[in-house]
Structure formats: C-alpha cells, structure tokens
C-alpha cells in the first residue's frame, strides 16, 4: 500500500514536469541578466601607484549621481544646483576622510579635477536560452580625481575608504588597483580598505 502511494506521487510529479516542460523552454529558468544597476548603486575607485615614484598615487573615484546628489541626470532646478555645489564642497573638505592612509606616511592630498556630471560605462551580459548579448550601459557620475603625495612609500600600504558619512546609500565599492600587479575586487558596503 505504501509503495503504491509513493509511486502515485512520483507519477503526478512526472506528469506535471511533462506538462510544464514546454513553458520552461519558452521561459527558461537559467536565462539571467547580470545586474546592470550594480554600477549605478556602487562607487568605483581606480588607484594607480606613481610610475616614477612609489610615494605618489593617483586615485579616481566615481559615485553615481543618484547616490551623490539624490537625482539622476543633470542639475536643472536651483535646488539641484545648490545640492551639487554642497556635495562638491563636502568632497573637497572631506577628501582625507573619504580616502585615508596611515598618518605616519605624511601624505598631502591634491585634488586634480572634480567632474560633477561625468559619464561612466558598464558592460554586462544578458543571457537567454539561445544567445548571450553584451550590453553597454552609460550613466552619469560624480568623478573626483586626486593625487596622494607622501613622504614614505605607498606600495603595499593600506588605503581606507569611507563613503558612509557623506554617501550612505553606496551598496558596494568596486576597486581597480594598478601597482606592481593589476587587481580588481569588490568591497561590500560603503566602507573598507585595500592595499596598494
């Protein structure tokens, strides 16, 4: 009796699978899209050690405009323009808190450029049952380019990143380091550290 009931359940599951099989082919479960909005919620940092001096590093960070200013696109209203100006002033004042190093390195920060509405690109794949498609996504960012000039070598030194005070909605930080070796990795959340 128990064997008969177990077989009946298996038969039911098999029939349901056969009935649903055409739908699984039309709407495949494995079709997926790498999240293009990841880049629109994450900060990006490019850090490069100086070619001629290990005491110098160029760092660029990008923050999506939505996370930096609270809106997407260009500033159109006077309130939005004031918000952009306030954020730029905060970045200039707090650059050494956003990206910091050990005080014993005796570093000076030099802001080279701040682009309030720069373009950034993200590549991602969209997959379906029949093909993979590479797609480019373009979006606007706050781009800050600055240089660290230190008295001691920066190579293999710890760089602390903290967006949590000024840019709380950052979900991840995508890091790209160019020193002796190129490295790419992700820091979960709005703060963390990496080594040059």
C-alpha atoms as a PDB file:
ATOM      1  CA  UNK A   1       0.000   0.000   0.000  1.00  0.00           C
ATOM      2  CA  UNK A   2       2.820   2.436   0.918  1.00  0.00           C
ATOM      3  CA  UNK A   3       4.668   1.610  -2.316  1.00  0.00           C
ATOM      4  CA  UNK A   4       1.533   2.345  -4.348  1.00  0.00           C
ATOM      5  CA  UNK A   5       1.085   5.784  -2.732  1.00  0.00           C
ATOM      6  CA  UNK A   6       4.747   6.671  -3.283  1.00  0.00           C
ATOM      7  CA  UNK A   7       4.509   5.687  -6.951  1.00  0.00           C
ATOM      8  CA  UNK A   8       1.368   7.749  -7.399  1.00  0.00           C
ATOM      9  CA  UNK A   9       3.206  10.844  -6.102  1.00  0.00           C
ATOM     10  CA  UNK A  10       6.085  10.212  -8.480  1.00  0.00           C
ATOM     11  CA  UNK A  11       3.661   9.777 -11.343  1.00  0.00           C
ATOM     12  CA  UNK A  12       1.978  13.092 -10.506  1.00  0.00           C
ATOM     13  CA  UNK A  13       5.328  14.927 -10.378  1.00  0.00           C
ATOM     14  CA  UNK A  14       6.386  13.365 -13.684  1.00  0.00           C
ATOM     15  CA  UNK A  15       3.138  14.416 -15.362  1.00  0.00           C
ATOM     16  CA  UNK A  16       3.473  17.976 -14.063  1.00  0.00           C
ATOM     17  CA  UNK A  17       7.047  18.143 -15.347  1.00  0.00           C
ATOM     18  CA  UNK A  18       5.952  16.947 -18.809  1.00  0.00           C
ATOM     19  CA  UNK A  19       3.126  19.492 -18.864  1.00  0.00           C
ATOM     20  CA  UNK A  20       5.416  22.360 -17.762  1.00  0.00           C
ATOM     21  CA  UNK A  21       8.371  21.377 -19.962  1.00  0.00           C
ATOM     22  CA  UNK A  22       7.299  23.465 -22.996  1.00  0.00           C
ATOM     23  CA  UNK A  23       6.874  26.515 -20.757  1.00  0.00           C
ATOM     24  CA  UNK A  24      10.358  26.016 -19.311  1.00  0.00           C
ATOM     25  CA  UNK A  25      11.746  26.012 -22.835  1.00  0.00           C
ATOM     26  CA  UNK A  26       9.878  29.201 -23.773  1.00  0.00           C
ATOM     27  CA  UNK A  27      10.700  30.959 -20.469  1.00  0.00           C
ATOM     28  CA  UNK A  28      13.951  29.324 -19.382  1.00  0.00           C
ATOM     29  CA  UNK A  29      14.830  29.366 -15.724  1.00  0.00           C
ATOM     30  CA  UNK A  30      18.506  29.790 -16.494  1.00  0.00           C
ATOM     31  CA  UNK A  31      18.015  32.983 -18.502  1.00  0.00           C
ATOM     32  CA  UNK A  32      19.634  35.653 -16.463  1.00  0.00           C
ATOM     33  CA  UNK A  33      20.967  39.143 -16.703  1.00  0.00           C
ATOM     34  CA  UNK A  34      23.948  40.361 -14.790  1.00  0.00           C
ATOM     35  CA  UNK A  35      22.596  43.270 -12.858  1.00  0.00           C
ATOM     36  CA  UNK A  36      23.270  46.467 -14.856  1.00  0.00           C
ATOM     37  CA  UNK A  37      22.129  48.577 -11.930  1.00  0.00           C
ATOM     38  CA  UNK A  38      25.001  47.279  -9.781  1.00  0.00           C
ATOM     39  CA  UNK A  39      27.180  50.011 -11.224  1.00  0.00           C
ATOM     40  CA  UNK A  40      24.508  52.601 -10.561  1.00  0.00           C
ATOM     41  CA  UNK A  41      24.453  51.794  -6.840  1.00  0.00           C
ATOM     42  CA  UNK A  42      28.177  51.205  -6.364  1.00  0.00           C
ATOM     43  CA  UNK A  43      31.108  53.568  -6.070  1.00  0.00           C
ATOM     44  CA  UNK A  44      34.163  52.835  -8.202  1.00  0.00           C
ATOM     45  CA  UNK A  45      37.777  53.507  -7.291  1.00  0.00           C
ATOM     46  CA  UNK A  46      40.769  53.393  -9.617  1.00  0.00           C
ATOM     47  CA  UNK A  47      44.052  53.594  -7.712  1.00  0.00           C
ATOM     48  CA  UNK A  48      47.381  53.779  -9.505  1.00  0.00           C
ATOM     49  CA  UNK A  49      50.814  53.982  -7.932  1.00  0.00           C
ATOM     50  CA  UNK A  50      53.181  56.529  -9.486  1.00  0.00           C
ATOM     51  CA  UNK A  51      55.336  55.247 -12.344  1.00  0.00           C
ATOM     52  CA  UNK A  52      58.438  57.111 -11.230  1.00  0.00           C
ATOM     53  CA  UNK A  53      57.790  57.266  -7.509  1.00  0.00           C
ATOM     54  CA  UNK A  54      56.261  54.803  -5.038  1.00  0.00           C
ATOM     55  CA  UNK A  55      55.496  57.796  -2.833  1.00  0.00           C
ATOM     56  CA  UNK A  56      52.796  59.071  -5.163  1.00  0.00           C
ATOM     57  CA  UNK A  57      49.405  57.634  -6.094  1.00  0.00           C
ATOM     58  CA  UNK A  58      46.640  58.836  -8.378  1.00  0.00           C
ATOM     59  CA  UNK A  59      43.167  57.924  -7.170  1.00  0.00           C
ATOM     60  CA  UNK A  60      39.910  58.455  -9.032  1.00  0.00           C
ATOM     61  CA  UNK A  61      36.564  57.687  -7.500  1.00  0.00           C
ATOM     62  CA  UNK A  62      33.201  57.736  -9.188  1.00  0.00           C
ATOM     63  CA  UNK A  63      29.838  57.899  -7.465  1.00  0.00           C
ATOM     64  CA  UNK A  64      26.574  57.578  -9.431  1.00  0.00           C
ATOM     65  CA  UNK A  65      24.713  60.903  -9.473  1.00  0.00           C
ATOM     66  CA  UNK A  66      21.679  59.315  -7.809  1.00  0.00           C
ATOM     67  CA  UNK A  67      23.811  58.330  -4.810  1.00  0.00           C
ATOM     68  CA  UNK A  68      25.864  61.542  -4.802  1.00  0.00           C
ATOM     69  CA  UNK A  69      23.105  64.126  -5.297  1.00  0.00           C
ATOM     70  CA  UNK A  70      19.834  62.240  -4.879  1.00  0.00           C
ATOM     71  CA  UNK A  71      18.750  62.587  -8.509  1.00  0.00           C
ATOM     72  CA  UNK A  72      19.658  61.150 -11.899  1.00  0.00           C
ATOM     73  CA  UNK A  73      20.945  63.317 -14.705  1.00  0.00           C
ATOM     74  CA  UNK A  74      21.947  66.960 -14.782  1.00  0.00           C
ATOM     75  CA  UNK A  75      21.011  69.621 -12.224  1.00  0.00           C
ATOM     76  CA  UNK A  76      18.097  71.566 -13.679  1.00  0.00           C
ATOM     77  CA  UNK A  77      16.486  73.385 -10.766  1.00  0.00           C
ATOM     78  CA  UNK A  78      18.173  75.913  -8.446  1.00  0.00           C
ATOM     79  CA  UNK A  79      17.742  73.427  -5.569  1.00  0.00           C
ATOM     80  CA  UNK A  80      19.519  70.688  -7.526  1.00  0.00           C
ATOM     81  CA  UNK A  81      22.346  73.053  -8.458  1.00  0.00           C
ATOM     82  CA  UNK A  82      22.732  74.018  -4.786  1.00  0.00           C
ATOM     83  CA  UNK A  83      22.836  70.317  -3.834  1.00  0.00           C
ATOM     84  CA  UNK A  84      25.604  69.686  -6.376  1.00  0.00           C
ATOM     85  CA  UNK A  85      27.621  72.646  -5.061  1.00  0.00           C
ATOM     86  CA  UNK A  86      27.207  71.420  -1.472  1.00  0.00           C
ATOM     87  CA  UNK A  87      28.371  67.902  -2.379  1.00  0.00           C
ATOM     88  CA  UNK A  88      31.432  69.243  -4.223  1.00  0.00           C
ATOM     89  CA  UNK A  89      32.324  71.403  -1.207  1.00  0.00           C
ATOM     90  CA  UNK A  90      31.929  68.394   1.132  1.00  0.00           C
ATOM     91  CA  UNK A  91      34.179  66.276  -1.066  1.00  0.00           C
ATOM     92  CA  UNK A  92      36.880  68.962  -1.133  1.00  0.00           C
ATOM     93  CA  UNK A  93      36.731  69.360   2.646  1.00  0.00           C
ATOM     94  CA  UNK A  94      36.483  65.645   3.491  1.00  0.00           C
ATOM     95  CA  UNK A  95      38.710  64.051   0.848  1.00  0.00           C
ATOM     96  CA  UNK A  96      41.175  62.892   3.517  1.00  0.00           C
ATOM     97  CA  UNK A  97      38.296  61.243   5.440  1.00  0.00           C
ATOM     98  CA  UNK A  98      36.793  59.587   2.364  1.00  0.00           C
ATOM     99  CA  UNK A  99      40.145  58.095   1.322  1.00  0.00           C
ATOM    100  CA  UNK A 100      42.705  57.909   4.117  1.00  0.00           C
ATOM    101  CA  UNK A 101      46.124  56.421   4.790  1.00  0.00           C
ATOM    102  CA  UNK A 102      48.284  55.889   7.847  1.00  0.00           C
ATOM    103  CA  UNK A 103      49.275  59.344   9.209  1.00  0.00           C
ATOM    104  CA  UNK A 104      52.901  58.164   9.522  1.00  0.00           C
ATOM    105  CA  UNK A 105      53.140  58.255   5.693  1.00  0.00           C
ATOM    106  CA  UNK A 106      52.773  62.064   5.880  1.00  0.00           C
ATOM    107  CA  UNK A 107      50.621  62.422   2.759  1.00  0.00           C
ATOM    108  CA  UNK A 108      49.244  65.549   1.172  1.00  0.00           C
ATOM    109  CA  UNK A 109      46.067  65.475  -0.885  1.00  0.00           C
ATOM    110  CA  UNK A 110      45.891  67.383  -4.135  1.00  0.00           C
ATOM    111  CA  UNK A 111      42.527  67.466  -5.916  1.00  0.00           C
ATOM    112  CA  UNK A 112      43.222  67.471  -9.655  1.00  0.00           C
ATOM    113  CA  UNK A 113      39.681  67.555 -11.010  1.00  0.00           C
ATOM    114  CA  UNK A 114      36.063  67.216  -9.945  1.00  0.00           C
ATOM    115  CA  UNK A 115      33.575  66.473 -12.726  1.00  0.00           C
ATOM    116  CA  UNK A 116      30.054  66.846 -11.416  1.00  0.00           C
ATOM    117  CA  UNK A 117      28.336  65.052 -14.315  1.00  0.00           C
ATOM    118  CA  UNK A 118      30.879  62.780 -15.955  1.00  0.00           C
ATOM    119  CA  UNK A 119      29.913  59.680 -17.934  1.00  0.00           C
ATOM    120  CA  UNK A 120      30.753  56.155 -16.847  1.00  0.00           C
ATOM    121  CA  UNK A 121      30.191  52.921 -18.734  1.00  0.00           C
ATOM    122  CA  UNK A 122      29.378  49.456 -17.504  1.00  0.00           C
ATOM    123  CA  UNK A 123      29.435  46.272 -19.556  1.00  0.00           C
ATOM    124  CA  UNK A 124      27.144  43.424 -18.647  1.00  0.00           C
ATOM    125  CA  UNK A 125      25.747  40.307 -20.266  1.00  0.00           C
ATOM    126  CA  UNK A 126      22.154  39.472 -20.972  1.00  0.00           C
ATOM    127  CA  UNK A 127      21.647  35.753 -21.433  1.00  0.00           C
ATOM    128  CA  UNK A 128      18.779  33.800 -22.847  1.00  0.00           C
ATOM    129  CA  UNK A 129      18.296  30.179 -23.895  1.00  0.00           C
ATOM    130  CA  UNK A 130      19.602  30.889 -27.387  1.00  0.00           C
ATOM    131  CA  UNK A 131      22.251  33.611 -27.035  1.00  0.00           C
ATOM    132  CA  UNK A 132      24.413  35.824 -24.889  1.00  0.00           C
ATOM    133  CA  UNK A 133      24.376  39.501 -25.604  1.00  0.00           C
ATOM    134  CA  UNK A 134      26.928  42.044 -24.372  1.00  0.00           C
ATOM    135  CA  UNK A 135      25.343  45.359 -23.491  1.00  0.00           C
ATOM    136  CA  UNK A 136      26.933  48.689 -22.560  1.00  0.00           C
ATOM    137  CA  UNK A 137      25.189  50.824 -20.013  1.00  0.00           C
ATOM    138  CA  UNK A 138      26.088  54.503 -19.763  1.00  0.00           C
ATOM    139  CA  UNK A 139      25.231  56.616 -16.741  1.00  0.00           C
ATOM    140  CA  UNK A 140      26.323  59.850 -15.066  1.00  0.00           C
ATOM    141  CA  UNK A 141      28.652  60.030 -12.084  1.00  0.00           C
ATOM    142  CA  UNK A 142      30.420  62.443  -9.781  1.00  0.00           C
ATOM    143  CA  UNK A 143      34.082  61.897 -10.682  1.00  0.00           C
ATOM    144  CA  UNK A 144      36.850  63.001  -8.310  1.00  0.00           C
ATOM    145  CA  UNK A 145      40.482  62.770  -9.424  1.00  0.00           C
ATOM    146  CA  UNK A 146      43.158  63.431  -6.807  1.00  0.00           C
ATOM    147  CA  UNK A 147      46.788  62.676  -6.024  1.00  0.00           C
ATOM    148  CA  UNK A 148      48.393  61.480  -2.809  1.00  0.00           C
ATOM    149  CA  UNK A 149      51.930  62.836  -2.369  1.00  0.00           C
ATOM    150  CA  UNK A 150      53.603  61.103   0.561  1.00  0.00           C
ATOM    151  CA  UNK A 151      56.946  61.238   2.331  1.00  0.00           C
ATOM    152  CA  UNK A 152      57.117  57.427   2.530  1.00  0.00           C
ATOM    153  CA  UNK A 153      56.415  54.662   0.015  1.00  0.00           C
ATOM    154  CA  UNK A 154      52.767  53.830  -0.666  1.00  0.00           C
ATOM    155  CA  UNK A 155      53.434  50.426  -2.208  1.00  0.00           C
ATOM    156  CA  UNK A 156      51.754  47.699  -0.116  1.00  0.00           C
ATOM    157  CA  UNK A 157      50.280  50.314   2.222  1.00  0.00           C
ATOM    158  CA  UNK A 158      46.673  50.136   3.403  1.00  0.00           C
ATOM    159  CA  UNK A 159      44.198  52.610   1.861  1.00  0.00           C
ATOM    160  CA  UNK A 160      40.998  53.147   3.847  1.00  0.00           C
ATOM    161  CA  UNK A 161      37.820  54.127   2.039  1.00  0.00           C
ATOM    162  CA  UNK A 162      34.791  55.510   3.852  1.00  0.00           C
ATOM    163  CA  UNK A 163      31.801  56.745   1.850  1.00  0.00           C
ATOM    164  CA  UNK A 164      29.390  56.004   4.711  1.00  0.00           C
ATOM    165  CA  UNK A 165      29.333  59.518   6.192  1.00  0.00           C
ATOM    166  CA  UNK A 166      28.747  61.545   3.029  1.00  0.00           C
ATOM    167  CA  UNK A 167      27.283  58.918   0.657  1.00  0.00           C
ATOM    168  CA  UNK A 168      25.322  56.489   2.819  1.00  0.00           C
ATOM    169  CA  UNK A 169      23.423  54.759   0.008  1.00  0.00           C
ATOM    170  CA  UNK A 170      26.504  53.217  -1.609  1.00  0.00           C
ATOM    171  CA  UNK A 171      25.953  49.441  -1.682  1.00  0.00           C
ATOM    172  CA  UNK A 172      29.404  48.341  -2.875  1.00  0.00           C
ATOM    173  CA  UNK A 173      32.776  49.731  -3.818  1.00  0.00           C
ATOM    174  CA  UNK A 174      34.355  48.361  -6.987  1.00  0.00           C
ATOM    175  CA  UNK A 175      38.137  48.637  -6.685  1.00  0.00           C
ATOM    176  CA  UNK A 176      40.689  48.554  -9.518  1.00  0.00           C
ATOM    177  CA  UNK A 177      44.306  48.813  -8.328  1.00  0.00           C
ATOM    178  CA  UNK A 178      47.263  49.269 -10.658  1.00  0.00           C
ATOM    179  CA  UNK A 179      50.541  48.863  -8.819  1.00  0.00           C
ATOM    180  CA  UNK A 180      53.011  46.026  -9.455  1.00  0.00           C
ATOM    181  CA  UNK A 181      50.040  43.844 -10.311  1.00  0.00           C
ATOM    182  CA  UNK A 182      46.591  44.771 -11.559  1.00  0.00           C
ATOM    183  CA  UNK A 183      43.835  43.732  -9.196  1.00  0.00           C
ATOM    184  CA  UNK A 184      40.052  44.062  -9.234  1.00  0.00           C
ATOM    185  CA  UNK A 185      37.765  43.282  -6.336  1.00  0.00           C
ATOM    186  CA  UNK A 186      34.596  44.394  -4.550  1.00  0.00           C
ATOM    187  CA  UNK A 187      34.112  45.769  -1.059  1.00  0.00           C
ATOM    188  CA  UNK A 188      30.607  45.120   0.256  1.00  0.00           C
ATOM    189  CA  UNK A 189      29.066  48.209   1.828  1.00  0.00           C
ATOM    190  CA  UNK A 190      30.133  51.856   1.864  1.00  0.00           C
ATOM    191  CA  UNK A 191      33.486  51.460   3.621  1.00  0.00           C
ATOM    192  CA  UNK A 192      36.502  49.190   3.709  1.00  0.00           C
ATOM    193  CA  UNK A 193      40.179  49.067   2.825  1.00  0.00           C
ATOM    194  CA  UNK A 194      42.653  47.729   0.285  1.00  0.00           C
ATOM    195  CA  UNK A 195      46.419  47.593  -0.157  1.00  0.00           C
ATOM    196  CA  UNK A 196      48.327  49.414  -2.849  1.00  0.00           C
END
